[in-house]
């Protein structure tokens, strides 16, 4: 039954985010879901709740959704359609809270929320994270870099990406994140060398 539910949810996400050009596309959701499940197994969280919340985490992100009340009802309707029990629905919704970096660095209360937040943050660093940063910057009309203090994609590295490693919740995510963080620093070093 869980496989069928996850297939329905992934189809819903595909239809909703397949045309996204900001780095919050279907494949981002898929990576976060799979990483959330992996971290859940390592950290003793519920893998199904974590994976489901991972798939759905950006449906309630204010920067991607205009009407949050409507979006939340849409998620509840989807969970109902999938015959997910009320108790699990509440756990999934709870795990989706405070995932966003813009939530003021709040730490989710439940372990499933922590692994989903970690999975989302891990996808913002490393090689994929760099690609997503430039995709987002391009979609928002940002320059790559500037020697003044304007908002650019390289500035985003300092405002957000380089801080992520210190904000991860679980030991498993910290271990995975270190290699990705190091890659960010290597990339920046090479970027400035080429920028001249």
Protein backbone atom coordinates (compact mmCIF):
# COMPACT_ATOMS: atom_id res chain seq x y z
CA UNK A 1 0.00 0.00 0.00
CA UNK A 2 2.81 2.45 0.85
CA UNK A 3 4.34 2.04 -2.63
CA UNK A 4 1.00 2.87 -4.25
CA UNK A 5 0.57 5.93 -2.01
CA UNK A 6 4.05 7.20 -2.85
CA UNK A 7 3.40 6.64 -6.56
CA UNK A 8 0.20 8.75 -6.33
CA UNK A 9 2.03 11.47 -4.43
CA UNK A 10 4.97 11.53 -6.86
CA UNK A 11 2.49 11.86 -9.78
CA UNK A 12 0.82 14.80 -8.01
CA UNK A 13 4.21 16.47 -7.49
CA UNK A 14 5.26 15.78 -11.09
CA UNK A 15 2.13 17.47 -12.42
CA UNK A 16 2.55 20.46 -10.13
CA UNK A 17 6.30 21.12 -10.37
CA UNK A 18 7.48 19.63 -13.67
CA UNK A 19 7.83 23.04 -15.35
CA UNK A 20 9.58 24.79 -12.45
CA UNK A 21 12.77 26.60 -13.50
CA UNK A 22 13.91 27.81 -10.07
CA UNK A 23 15.51 24.55 -8.88
CA UNK A 24 12.34 23.52 -7.01
CA UNK A 25 11.28 21.02 -9.65
CA UNK A 26 10.04 17.43 -9.53
CA UNK A 27 13.59 16.07 -9.29
CA UNK A 28 14.35 18.27 -6.28
CA UNK A 29 11.28 16.85 -4.53
CA UNK A 30 12.34 13.32 -5.48
CA UNK A 31 15.88 13.80 -4.14
CA UNK A 32 14.56 15.29 -0.88
CA UNK A 33 12.07 12.41 -0.47
CA UNK A 34 14.74 9.75 -1.06
CA UNK A 35 17.27 11.49 1.21
CA UNK A 36 14.61 11.94 3.92
CA UNK A 37 13.91 8.20 3.80
CA UNK A 38 17.65 7.42 3.94
CA UNK A 39 18.17 9.73 6.93
CA UNK A 40 15.04 8.36 8.63
CA UNK A 41 16.46 4.84 8.51
CA UNK A 42 19.81 6.06 9.90
CA UNK A 43 18.25 8.25 12.61
CA UNK A 44 15.37 6.02 13.78
CA UNK A 45 12.57 8.13 12.28
CA UNK A 46 9.54 6.75 10.44
CA UNK A 47 10.71 6.20 6.82
CA UNK A 48 7.22 6.42 5.27
CA UNK A 49 6.26 9.64 7.09
CA UNK A 50 9.64 11.16 6.25
CA UNK A 51 9.57 10.19 2.57
CA UNK A 52 5.99 11.38 2.11
CA UNK A 53 6.72 14.71 3.81
CA UNK A 54 9.86 14.98 1.66
CA UNK A 55 7.81 14.64 -1.50
CA UNK A 56 5.32 17.26 -0.33
CA UNK A 57 7.55 19.71 1.57
CA UNK A 58 7.57 22.51 -1.02
CA UNK A 59 3.83 22.51 -1.62
CA UNK A 60 3.50 24.78 1.43
CA UNK A 61 6.53 26.99 0.72
CA UNK A 62 5.40 30.67 0.55
CA UNK A 63 7.88 31.47 -2.23
CA UNK A 64 6.30 28.80 -4.46
CA UNK A 65 2.65 28.97 -3.38
CA UNK A 66 0.41 32.03 -3.41
CA UNK A 67 -2.47 30.70 -1.33
CA UNK A 68 -1.15 28.61 1.58
CA UNK A 69 -4.60 27.79 2.97
CA UNK A 70 -5.69 26.42 -0.40
CA UNK A 71 -2.41 24.54 -0.83
CA UNK A 72 -2.70 22.91 2.60
CA UNK A 73 -6.25 21.79 1.83
CA UNK A 74 -5.03 20.34 -1.46
CA UNK A 75 -2.41 18.30 0.42
CA UNK A 76 -5.01 17.10 2.94
CA UNK A 77 -7.32 16.10 0.07
CA UNK A 78 -4.45 14.16 -1.52
CA UNK A 79 -3.66 12.34 1.73
CA UNK A 80 -7.37 11.52 2.14
CA UNK A 81 -7.54 10.26 -1.44
CA UNK A 82 -4.57 7.99 -0.66
CA UNK A 83 -6.47 6.61 2.40
CA UNK A 84 -3.74 7.69 4.81
CA UNK A 85 -5.05 7.46 8.40
CA UNK A 86 -5.68 10.75 10.24
CA UNK A 87 -2.86 10.13 12.71
CA UNK A 88 -0.32 9.69 9.89
CA UNK A 89 -1.72 12.71 8.04
CA UNK A 90 -1.02 14.84 11.10
CA UNK A 91 2.51 13.41 11.37
CA UNK A 92 3.19 14.17 7.69
CA UNK A 93 1.90 17.74 7.99
CA UNK A 94 3.89 18.24 11.18
CA UNK A 95 7.05 16.96 9.47
CA UNK A 96 6.50 19.52 6.69
CA UNK A 97 6.44 22.49 9.10
CA UNK A 98 9.50 24.72 9.47
CA UNK A 99 11.41 22.97 6.66
CA UNK A 100 12.14 26.15 4.70
CA UNK A 101 15.40 28.01 5.31
CA UNK A 102 13.32 31.20 5.59
CA UNK A 103 11.41 29.79 8.58
CA UNK A 104 13.90 31.60 10.81
CA UNK A 105 16.17 28.60 11.37
CA UNK A 106 13.48 26.92 13.45
CA UNK A 107 14.25 23.35 14.37
CA UNK A 108 11.29 21.02 13.73
CA UNK A 109 9.85 19.41 16.85
CA UNK A 110 9.65 15.84 15.52
CA UNK A 111 12.49 13.66 14.25
CA UNK A 112 10.71 13.23 10.89
CA UNK A 113 10.64 17.01 10.48
CA UNK A 114 14.33 17.17 11.30
CA UNK A 115 15.28 14.63 8.65
CA UNK A 116 13.07 16.31 6.02
CA UNK A 117 14.62 19.69 6.82
CA UNK A 118 18.08 18.13 6.63
CA UNK A 119 17.27 16.42 3.31
CA UNK A 120 16.04 19.72 1.84
CA UNK A 121 19.12 21.57 3.06
CA UNK A 122 21.50 18.90 1.76
CA UNK A 123 19.98 19.40 -1.69
CA UNK A 124 20.99 23.07 -1.50
CA UNK A 125 24.72 22.32 -1.18
CA UNK A 126 27.26 20.32 -3.17
CA UNK A 127 27.24 20.05 -6.97
CA UNK A 128 23.43 19.92 -7.27
CA UNK A 129 23.08 22.79 -4.83
CA UNK A 130 25.37 24.96 -6.95
CA UNK A 131 23.40 24.10 -10.10
CA UNK A 132 20.13 24.90 -8.30
CA UNK A 133 21.50 28.23 -7.02
CA UNK A 134 22.35 29.39 -10.54
CA UNK A 135 19.04 28.09 -11.87
CA UNK A 136 17.17 30.07 -9.20
CA UNK A 137 19.28 33.17 -9.79
CA UNK A 138 18.66 32.99 -13.54
CA UNK A 139 14.91 32.57 -13.05
CA UNK A 140 14.91 35.65 -10.80
CA UNK A 141 17.05 37.72 -13.18
CA UNK A 142 20.08 37.87 -10.86
CA UNK A 143 23.60 38.45 -12.11
CA UNK A 144 26.19 35.73 -11.49
CA UNK A 145 28.46 38.01 -9.49
CA UNK A 146 29.26 41.66 -8.94
CA UNK A 147 32.09 43.45 -7.23
CA UNK A 148 29.53 45.74 -5.60
CA UNK A 149 27.14 44.58 -2.89
CA UNK A 150 24.11 43.86 -5.09
CA UNK A 151 22.11 40.64 -4.83
CA UNK A 152 23.78 37.99 -7.00
CA UNK A 153 23.97 34.22 -7.08
CA UNK A 154 27.48 34.24 -5.64
CA UNK A 155 26.23 36.46 -2.81
CA UNK A 156 23.62 33.73 -2.13
CA UNK A 157 26.49 31.36 -1.26
CA UNK A 158 27.40 33.61 1.67
CA UNK A 159 23.85 34.52 2.68
CA UNK A 160 22.65 30.91 2.77
CA UNK A 161 24.60 28.01 1.28
CA UNK A 162 27.79 28.25 3.35
CA UNK A 163 25.69 28.44 6.55
CA UNK A 164 23.77 25.23 5.93
CA UNK A 165 26.38 22.78 7.26
CA UNK A 166 26.16 24.43 10.68
CA UNK A 167 22.36 24.22 10.70
CA UNK A 168 21.89 20.50 10.02
CA UNK A 169 19.99 18.61 12.74
CA UNK A 170 21.17 15.01 12.59
CA UNK A 171 24.61 13.38 12.79
CA UNK A 172 23.96 11.47 9.55
CA UNK A 173 23.18 14.68 7.65
CA UNK A 174 26.23 16.44 9.13
CA UNK A 175 28.43 13.61 7.83
CA UNK A 176 26.91 13.73 4.32
CA UNK A 177 26.88 17.53 4.33
CA UNK A 178 30.59 17.99 5.09
CA UNK A 179 31.70 16.71 1.70
CA UNK A 180 29.12 18.92 -0.04
CA UNK A 181 30.14 21.95 2.02
CA UNK A 182 33.79 21.40 1.14
CA UNK A 183 32.80 21.28 -2.53
CA UNK A 184 31.10 24.69 -2.22
CA UNK A 185 34.33 26.18 -0.90
CA UNK A 186 36.39 24.55 -3.66
CA UNK A 187 33.95 25.87 -6.25
CA UNK A 188 34.12 29.43 -4.92
CA UNK A 189 37.92 29.32 -4.92
CA UNK A 190 37.90 28.24 -8.58
CA UNK A 191 35.17 30.79 -9.46
CA UNK A 192 37.21 33.73 -8.12
CA UNK A 193 40.33 32.45 -9.85
CA UNK A 194 38.49 32.51 -13.16
CA UNK A 195 36.62 35.79 -12.50
CA UNK A 196 39.84 37.83 -12.34
